[in-house]
């Protein structure tokens, strides 16, 4: 074939997906493996969501509600916003894509940080836009020191420096808060000082995929900024705290005018029926939500102490995952861990070859992780 593919597409590196657990087990000849790589909910999906989906399976021959009417109404009540300020998507990823497709013309610019969620920059490139990337700033940050080699990794968005990149072609700024993969947050005062430097025609996207895990006292309430002169859009998801990652449902909170433009661009049935039903039921599953947060906080504390004791540097986090500097090649460690049936996330794709990212699991999974990590590190250091 002689395909004529635009350069911005042909040069695009695909998002690095993980292999299915079943395939990894077949490839490595193992059984009973555990996956602590994708920041999923260790408790599984909301039981109320599963029950509601089962009760509605006979409706799968019907198209879903294109407006997500009932879900929008329930979520609006829960968050004290108006339904017209909410846009639902096939995961919050789709809201990212809708924003880029709606407000970006070829050659327009988007500002992101590095490292951050990889999807921002990929979607900008696919659209024909220009990525303006600024490194995360290196700052004093609480961590549990292990091997003592020091970390080259910047940890937080450089809100003081980002405005210097804004020009007449800037359309969007993406800030994940907490950041993925570092788990760091920025506070209200810094955010408001930053907003004061951003022109009114530039949209600031506050990606809050992990906001449920942030202690309320230090959260930014994106609802306070939906109708401010500088437009702010908040992104949230049902994938993490509600355990519905497989249904792919997320949403954006925004000014109704921005929402109106996104509705012009989105597909008419972009959120499937089981996702709408499951999300609606999950919103009322307070017990599952509370248990998820408690399990995560307990697991973070225990794993931090145990992994630091293995000679690694463990960074504090406001999410259900944490970053670890292991002091050696993370790809080799990833392979070692796979042979023991434990799946973690190497950070080489983010440009940090000695870092891994670990999701908090169930207590028994966390114990198995620590034992496998201890064995793998010892084997690699001997080699």
Protein backbone atom coordinates (compact mmCIF):
# COMPACT_ATOMS: atom_id res chain seq x y z
CA UNK A 1 0.00 0.00 0.00
CA UNK A 2 1.03 3.58 -0.61
CA UNK A 3 -0.85 5.41 2.09
CA UNK A 4 -0.63 9.17 2.30
CA UNK A 5 -0.54 9.73 6.03
CA UNK A 6 0.05 13.22 7.46
CA UNK A 7 3.37 13.57 9.28
CA UNK A 8 1.70 14.43 12.57
CA UNK A 9 -0.02 11.02 12.46
CA UNK A 10 2.83 8.90 11.05
CA UNK A 11 5.19 10.19 13.74
CA UNK A 12 2.72 9.62 16.56
CA UNK A 13 3.83 6.98 19.08
CA UNK A 14 0.87 4.86 20.24
CA UNK A 15 -0.11 4.91 23.90
CA UNK A 16 1.71 1.95 25.52
CA UNK A 17 -1.03 -0.49 26.58
CA UNK A 18 -0.44 -3.32 28.98
CA UNK A 19 -1.04 -6.93 28.01
CA UNK A 20 -4.14 -8.73 29.31
CA UNK A 21 -3.44 -10.65 32.50
CA UNK A 22 -4.42 -13.90 30.79
CA UNK A 23 -1.86 -13.37 28.03
CA UNK A 24 0.91 -12.51 30.50
CA UNK A 25 0.16 -15.67 32.46
CA UNK A 26 0.27 -17.76 29.30
CA UNK A 27 3.50 -16.13 28.14
CA UNK A 28 5.28 -16.52 31.47
CA UNK A 29 3.74 -19.82 32.49
CA UNK A 30 2.26 -18.45 35.71
CA UNK A 31 -1.15 -18.37 37.37
CA UNK A 32 -2.81 -16.20 39.98
CA UNK A 33 -1.02 -13.01 38.97
CA UNK A 34 -1.93 -9.61 40.39
CA UNK A 35 -2.09 -6.33 38.49
CA UNK A 36 -0.92 -3.22 40.33
CA UNK A 37 -0.06 -1.15 37.26
CA UNK A 38 -3.10 0.78 36.04
CA UNK A 39 -4.39 2.66 39.11
CA UNK A 40 -7.56 0.60 39.24
CA UNK A 41 -9.83 0.16 42.26
CA UNK A 42 -8.61 -2.82 44.30
CA UNK A 43 -12.11 -3.40 45.72
CA UNK A 44 -13.60 -3.81 42.27
CA UNK A 45 -16.74 -2.12 40.97
CA UNK A 46 -19.51 -0.72 43.09
CA UNK A 47 -21.87 -3.58 44.06
CA UNK A 48 -24.85 -1.29 43.48
CA UNK A 49 -23.59 -0.57 39.98
CA UNK A 50 -23.27 -4.27 39.18
CA UNK A 51 -26.77 -4.98 40.45
CA UNK A 52 -28.28 -2.14 38.43
CA UNK A 53 -26.54 -3.26 35.26
CA UNK A 54 -27.76 -6.84 35.69
CA UNK A 55 -31.33 -5.59 36.11
CA UNK A 56 -31.14 -3.68 32.82
CA UNK A 57 -29.44 -6.20 30.54
CA UNK A 58 -32.69 -6.81 28.65
CA UNK A 59 -32.54 -3.19 27.41
CA UNK A 60 -29.29 -3.60 25.49
CA UNK A 61 -31.14 -3.59 22.16
CA UNK A 62 -32.02 0.07 22.79
CA UNK A 63 -29.78 3.02 22.04
CA UNK A 64 -28.55 4.80 25.16
CA UNK A 65 -29.88 8.19 26.16
CA UNK A 66 -27.77 10.63 24.18
CA UNK A 67 -28.20 13.34 26.82
CA UNK A 68 -27.46 11.13 29.87
CA UNK A 69 -30.55 12.83 31.28
CA UNK A 70 -30.97 10.92 34.55
CA UNK A 71 -27.27 10.67 35.28
CA UNK A 72 -26.78 14.39 34.59
CA UNK A 73 -29.63 15.28 36.91
CA UNK A 74 -28.41 13.06 39.75
CA UNK A 75 -24.79 14.20 39.44
CA UNK A 76 -25.84 17.86 39.22
CA UNK A 77 -27.77 17.47 42.48
CA UNK A 78 -24.83 15.74 44.16
CA UNK A 79 -22.34 18.41 43.08
CA UNK A 80 -24.68 21.41 43.34
CA UNK A 81 -24.15 22.42 39.71
CA UNK A 82 -26.52 22.69 36.76
CA UNK A 83 -26.95 19.75 34.36
CA UNK A 84 -25.97 22.00 31.46
CA UNK A 85 -22.55 22.44 33.09
CA UNK A 86 -21.78 18.72 32.73
CA UNK A 87 -20.56 16.88 29.64
CA UNK A 88 -20.20 13.09 29.82
CA UNK A 89 -17.76 11.08 27.78
CA UNK A 90 -16.37 7.64 27.03
CA UNK A 91 -14.04 8.08 29.98
CA UNK A 92 -12.66 11.51 30.82
CA UNK A 93 -10.25 10.80 27.95
CA UNK A 94 -13.03 11.66 25.54
CA UNK A 95 -13.59 15.02 27.20
CA UNK A 96 -9.89 15.75 26.63
CA UNK A 97 -10.33 14.85 22.98
CA UNK A 98 -13.52 16.90 22.66
CA UNK A 99 -11.82 19.98 24.08
CA UNK A 100 -8.91 19.62 21.69
CA UNK A 101 -11.11 18.95 18.65
CA UNK A 102 -13.42 21.83 19.52
CA UNK A 103 -10.96 24.60 20.29
CA UNK A 104 -7.81 23.69 18.35
CA UNK A 105 -7.13 24.51 14.71
CA UNK A 106 -4.02 23.32 12.91
CA UNK A 107 -0.99 25.15 14.30
CA UNK A 108 -2.68 26.23 17.51
CA UNK A 109 -0.81 25.50 20.74
CA UNK A 110 -1.49 23.60 23.94
CA UNK A 111 0.64 23.82 27.07
CA UNK A 112 1.32 20.70 29.14
CA UNK A 113 3.93 19.57 31.64
CA UNK A 114 6.41 16.71 31.59
CA UNK A 115 5.91 14.14 32.92
CA UNK A 116 2.14 14.12 32.89
CA UNK A 117 -0.72 12.07 31.45
CA UNK A 118 0.59 11.03 28.03
CA UNK A 119 -2.76 11.33 26.26
CA UNK A 120 -2.81 15.16 26.24
CA UNK A 121 0.17 15.53 23.95
CA UNK A 122 -0.81 12.62 21.70
CA UNK A 123 -4.25 14.07 21.02
CA UNK A 124 -2.82 17.52 20.33
CA UNK A 125 -0.39 16.06 17.79
CA UNK A 126 -3.13 14.00 16.16
CA UNK A 127 -5.19 17.17 15.75
CA UNK A 128 -2.30 18.98 14.08
CA UNK A 129 -1.67 21.23 17.03
CA UNK A 130 1.62 22.25 18.62
CA UNK A 131 2.66 20.94 22.03
CA UNK A 132 4.43 23.42 24.27
CA UNK A 133 5.87 21.34 27.10
CA UNK A 134 7.43 22.57 30.34
CA UNK A 135 9.21 20.32 32.86
CA UNK A 136 7.71 19.74 36.26
CA UNK A 137 9.57 21.83 38.81
CA UNK A 138 11.95 20.27 41.27
CA UNK A 139 10.88 21.21 44.77
CA UNK A 140 11.34 20.12 48.34
CA UNK A 141 8.83 17.38 48.85
CA UNK A 142 8.22 14.88 51.59
CA UNK A 143 9.47 11.43 50.69
CA UNK A 144 10.94 8.45 52.41
CA UNK A 145 14.59 8.26 51.37
CA UNK A 146 16.00 4.85 50.59
CA UNK A 147 19.07 4.30 48.45
CA UNK A 148 19.95 7.98 48.76
CA UNK A 149 20.90 8.52 45.15
CA UNK A 150 18.76 11.59 44.85
CA UNK A 151 15.96 12.02 42.33
CA UNK A 152 16.19 13.91 39.02
CA UNK A 153 12.42 13.95 38.78
CA UNK A 154 10.48 17.18 38.89
CA UNK A 155 7.37 16.66 40.94
CA UNK A 156 4.92 19.55 40.57
CA UNK A 157 3.43 21.75 37.86
CA UNK A 158 5.48 24.92 37.50
CA UNK A 159 2.55 27.32 37.74
CA UNK A 160 4.85 30.35 37.97
CA UNK A 161 6.63 29.51 34.70
CA UNK A 162 3.75 28.23 32.54
CA UNK A 163 2.33 31.72 31.74
CA UNK A 164 5.60 32.62 30.00
CA UNK A 165 4.73 30.07 27.28
CA UNK A 166 1.35 31.63 26.49
CA UNK A 167 1.08 33.48 23.18
CA UNK A 168 -1.60 34.39 20.66
CA UNK A 169 -1.81 30.77 19.43
CA UNK A 170 -2.35 29.24 22.89
CA UNK A 171 -5.78 27.66 23.25
CA UNK A 172 -5.59 25.18 26.15
CA UNK A 173 -3.50 24.44 29.23
CA UNK A 174 -3.73 20.97 30.80
CA UNK A 175 -2.95 20.56 34.51
CA UNK A 176 -3.55 17.18 36.12
CA UNK A 177 -4.10 17.69 39.83
CA UNK A 178 -3.01 15.31 41.32
CA UNK A 179 -0.34 14.71 38.72
CA UNK A 180 0.10 11.35 37.05
CA UNK A 181 2.69 9.87 37.58
CA UNK A 182 4.04 11.81 40.56
CA UNK A 183 0.89 12.02 42.72
CA UNK A 184 1.60 15.65 43.68
CA UNK A 185 -1.01 18.42 44.01
CA UNK A 186 -0.96 22.19 43.95
CA UNK A 187 -3.11 24.33 46.21
CA UNK A 188 -5.76 27.01 45.84
CA UNK A 189 -3.51 30.03 46.40
CA UNK A 190 -0.99 28.95 43.76
CA UNK A 191 -3.79 28.10 41.34
CA UNK A 192 -5.51 31.46 41.71
CA UNK A 193 -2.22 33.34 41.29
CA UNK A 194 -1.67 31.31 38.12
CA UNK A 195 -5.17 32.04 36.78
CA UNK A 196 -4.54 35.75 37.21
CA UNK A 197 -1.74 35.43 34.61
CA UNK A 198 -3.83 33.53 32.03
CA UNK A 199 -5.73 35.47 29.33
CA UNK A 200 -9.51 35.06 29.24
CA UNK A 201 -9.42 33.34 25.84
CA UNK A 202 -7.27 30.43 27.06
CA UNK A 203 -9.03 27.44 28.63
CA UNK A 204 -7.40 25.93 31.71
CA UNK A 205 -8.21 22.23 32.05
CA UNK A 206 -7.96 20.90 35.61
CA UNK A 207 -7.79 17.12 35.28
CA UNK A 208 -9.07 15.72 38.58
CA UNK A 209 -9.12 12.01 37.79
CA UNK A 210 -7.80 11.25 41.30
CA UNK A 211 -9.50 14.05 43.22
CA UNK A 212 -11.51 11.60 45.35
CA UNK A 213 -8.30 10.48 47.05
CA UNK A 214 -7.23 14.04 47.95
CA UNK A 215 -8.04 15.09 51.50
CA UNK A 216 -10.91 17.64 51.33
CA UNK A 217 -8.93 20.25 53.28
CA UNK A 218 -6.33 20.60 50.51
CA UNK A 219 -8.55 20.15 47.45
CA UNK A 220 -9.25 22.86 44.89
CA UNK A 221 -12.99 23.13 44.30
CA UNK A 222 -13.24 23.49 40.53
CA UNK A 223 -16.88 24.55 40.88
CA UNK A 224 -15.67 27.92 42.19
CA UNK A 225 -14.10 28.71 38.82
CA UNK A 226 -16.66 27.55 36.26
CA UNK A 227 -17.98 31.06 35.59
CA UNK A 228 -14.79 33.06 36.15
CA UNK A 229 -13.36 35.27 33.36
CA UNK A 230 -10.56 32.79 32.66
CA UNK A 231 -12.43 29.62 31.63
CA UNK A 232 -11.70 26.56 33.75
CA UNK A 233 -12.84 23.02 32.93
CA UNK A 234 -12.69 20.21 35.49
CA UNK A 235 -12.30 16.59 34.40
CA UNK A 236 -13.46 13.70 36.58
CA UNK A 237 -14.02 9.98 36.19
CA UNK A 238 -15.93 6.99 37.53
CA UNK A 239 -12.91 4.76 36.80
CA UNK A 240 -11.02 5.16 40.06
CA UNK A 241 -12.94 5.61 43.33
CA UNK A 242 -16.13 4.10 41.88
CA UNK A 243 -14.34 1.16 40.25
CA UNK A 244 -15.97 1.47 36.81
CA UNK A 245 -12.88 1.70 34.60
CA UNK A 246 -14.15 -1.05 32.29
CA UNK A 247 -17.33 0.89 31.52
CA UNK A 248 -15.40 3.97 30.34
CA UNK A 249 -17.37 6.86 31.75
CA UNK A 250 -16.13 10.26 32.85
CA UNK A 251 -17.31 13.83 32.71
CA UNK A 252 -16.30 17.44 32.51
CA UNK A 253 -17.54 20.35 34.63
CA UNK A 254 -17.54 23.64 32.75
CA UNK A 255 -19.33 26.83 31.83
CA UNK A 256 -22.51 26.06 29.89
CA UNK A 257 -21.18 27.92 26.84
CA UNK A 258 -18.13 25.65 26.61
CA UNK A 259 -20.39 22.63 27.16
CA UNK A 260 -22.60 23.75 24.30
CA UNK A 261 -19.68 23.72 21.88
CA UNK A 262 -18.55 20.27 23.03
CA UNK A 263 -22.04 18.90 22.43
CA UNK A 264 -21.75 20.04 18.81
CA UNK A 265 -18.63 17.91 18.37
CA UNK A 266 -19.31 14.76 20.40
CA UNK A 267 -20.92 11.62 19.03
CA UNK A 268 -24.68 11.44 19.75
CA UNK A 269 -24.45 8.16 21.74
CA UNK A 270 -20.97 8.48 23.21
CA UNK A 271 -21.83 6.97 26.63
CA UNK A 272 -23.20 3.44 26.47
CA UNK A 273 -26.24 2.21 28.38
CA UNK A 274 -24.48 0.01 30.99
CA UNK A 275 -22.09 2.88 31.74
CA UNK A 276 -24.95 5.31 32.39
CA UNK A 277 -26.84 2.82 34.55
CA UNK A 278 -23.73 1.76 36.48
CA UNK A 279 -22.57 5.31 37.12
CA UNK A 280 -26.02 6.38 38.30
CA UNK A 281 -26.14 3.54 40.83
CA UNK A 282 -22.52 4.05 41.92
CA UNK A 283 -23.23 7.64 42.90
CA UNK A 284 -25.43 6.30 45.71
CA UNK A 285 -23.00 3.59 46.86
CA UNK A 286 -21.49 5.56 49.72
CA UNK A 287 -20.28 2.44 51.52
CA UNK A 288 -18.16 1.28 48.57
CA UNK A 289 -16.81 4.81 48.13
CA UNK A 290 -15.80 5.13 51.80
CA UNK A 291 -14.25 1.66 51.85
CA UNK A 292 -12.21 2.48 48.76
CA UNK A 293 -10.73 5.61 50.34
CA UNK A 294 -9.99 3.85 53.63
CA UNK A 295 -8.32 0.90 51.90
CA UNK A 296 -6.23 3.21 49.75
CA UNK A 297 -4.96 5.37 52.61
CA UNK A 298 -4.13 2.38 54.76
CA UNK A 299 -2.34 0.69 51.86
CA UNK A 300 -0.32 3.78 50.96
CA UNK A 301 0.98 4.10 54.52
CA UNK A 302 1.92 0.44 54.87
CA UNK A 303 3.52 0.12 51.42
CA UNK A 304 5.50 3.32 51.86
CA UNK A 305 7.17 2.02 55.00
CA UNK A 306 7.80 -1.46 53.64
CA UNK A 307 9.20 -0.41 50.25
CA UNK A 308 11.39 2.30 51.77
CA UNK A 309 12.85 -0.44 53.92
CA UNK A 310 14.02 -2.18 50.75
CA UNK A 311 16.34 0.73 49.91
CA UNK A 312 14.05 2.56 47.50
CA UNK A 313 12.86 6.17 47.48
CA UNK A 314 9.09 6.34 47.87
CA UNK A 315 7.35 9.62 47.11
CA UNK A 316 4.30 10.80 49.01
CA UNK A 317 1.07 10.88 47.04
CA UNK A 318 -2.51 12.15 46.97
CA UNK A 319 -3.76 9.31 44.76
CA UNK A 320 -4.27 5.54 44.79
CA UNK A 321 -0.78 5.02 43.36
CA UNK A 322 2.73 6.12 44.22
CA UNK A 323 6.05 6.60 42.51
CA UNK A 324 9.18 4.70 43.51
CA UNK A 325 12.80 5.36 42.58
CA UNK A 326 14.32 1.86 42.65
CA UNK A 327 17.83 2.95 41.68
CA UNK A 328 18.20 0.53 38.76
CA UNK A 329 16.73 -0.23 35.34
CA UNK A 330 12.96 -0.37 35.75
CA UNK A 331 12.47 -2.50 32.64
CA UNK A 332 14.59 -5.26 34.11
CA UNK A 333 12.69 -5.01 37.37
CA UNK A 334 9.37 -5.09 35.51
CA UNK A 335 10.39 -8.34 33.79
CA UNK A 336 11.56 -9.88 37.05
CA UNK A 337 8.29 -9.00 38.74
CA UNK A 338 6.29 -10.47 35.87
CA UNK A 339 7.93 -13.85 36.35
CA UNK A 340 6.62 -13.73 39.92
CA UNK A 341 3.12 -12.86 38.76
CA UNK A 342 3.16 -9.22 39.88
CA UNK A 343 2.44 -6.52 37.29
CA UNK A 344 3.75 -3.00 37.97
CA UNK A 345 4.23 0.02 35.68
CA UNK A 346 7.76 0.93 34.53
CA UNK A 347 8.24 4.65 33.97
CA UNK A 348 10.71 4.48 31.09
CA UNK A 349 8.01 5.73 28.71
CA UNK A 350 7.89 8.91 30.79
CA UNK A 351 11.66 9.34 30.47
CA UNK A 352 12.59 7.99 33.91
CA UNK A 353 14.26 4.61 33.52
CA UNK A 354 14.80 3.98 37.25
CA UNK A 355 11.23 4.63 38.39
CA UNK A 356 8.20 2.41 38.79
CA UNK A 357 4.59 3.28 39.58
CA UNK A 358 2.60 1.03 41.89
CA UNK A 359 -1.15 0.95 42.49
CA UNK A 360 -2.41 0.17 45.97
CA UNK A 361 -3.99 -3.29 46.10
CA UNK A 362 -5.78 -5.41 48.63
CA UNK A 363 -3.74 -6.16 51.79
CA UNK A 364 -2.77 -9.63 50.55
CA UNK A 365 -1.77 -8.19 47.17
CA UNK A 366 0.33 -5.52 48.85
CA UNK A 367 2.14 -8.16 50.91
CA UNK A 368 2.84 -10.22 47.81
CA UNK A 369 4.10 -7.12 46.00
CA UNK A 370 6.60 -6.29 48.75
CA UNK A 371 7.92 -9.85 48.88
CA UNK A 372 8.27 -10.06 45.09
CA UNK A 373 9.91 -6.64 44.94
CA UNK A 374 12.38 -7.63 47.66
CA UNK A 375 13.31 -10.81 45.80
CA UNK A 376 13.55 -9.10 42.41
CA UNK A 377 15.73 -6.25 43.68
CA UNK A 378 18.09 -8.72 45.34
CA UNK A 379 18.38 -10.78 42.17
CA UNK A 380 19.03 -7.73 39.99
CA UNK A 381 21.63 -6.29 42.38
CA UNK A 382 23.46 -9.61 42.39
CA UNK A 383 23.45 -9.68 38.60
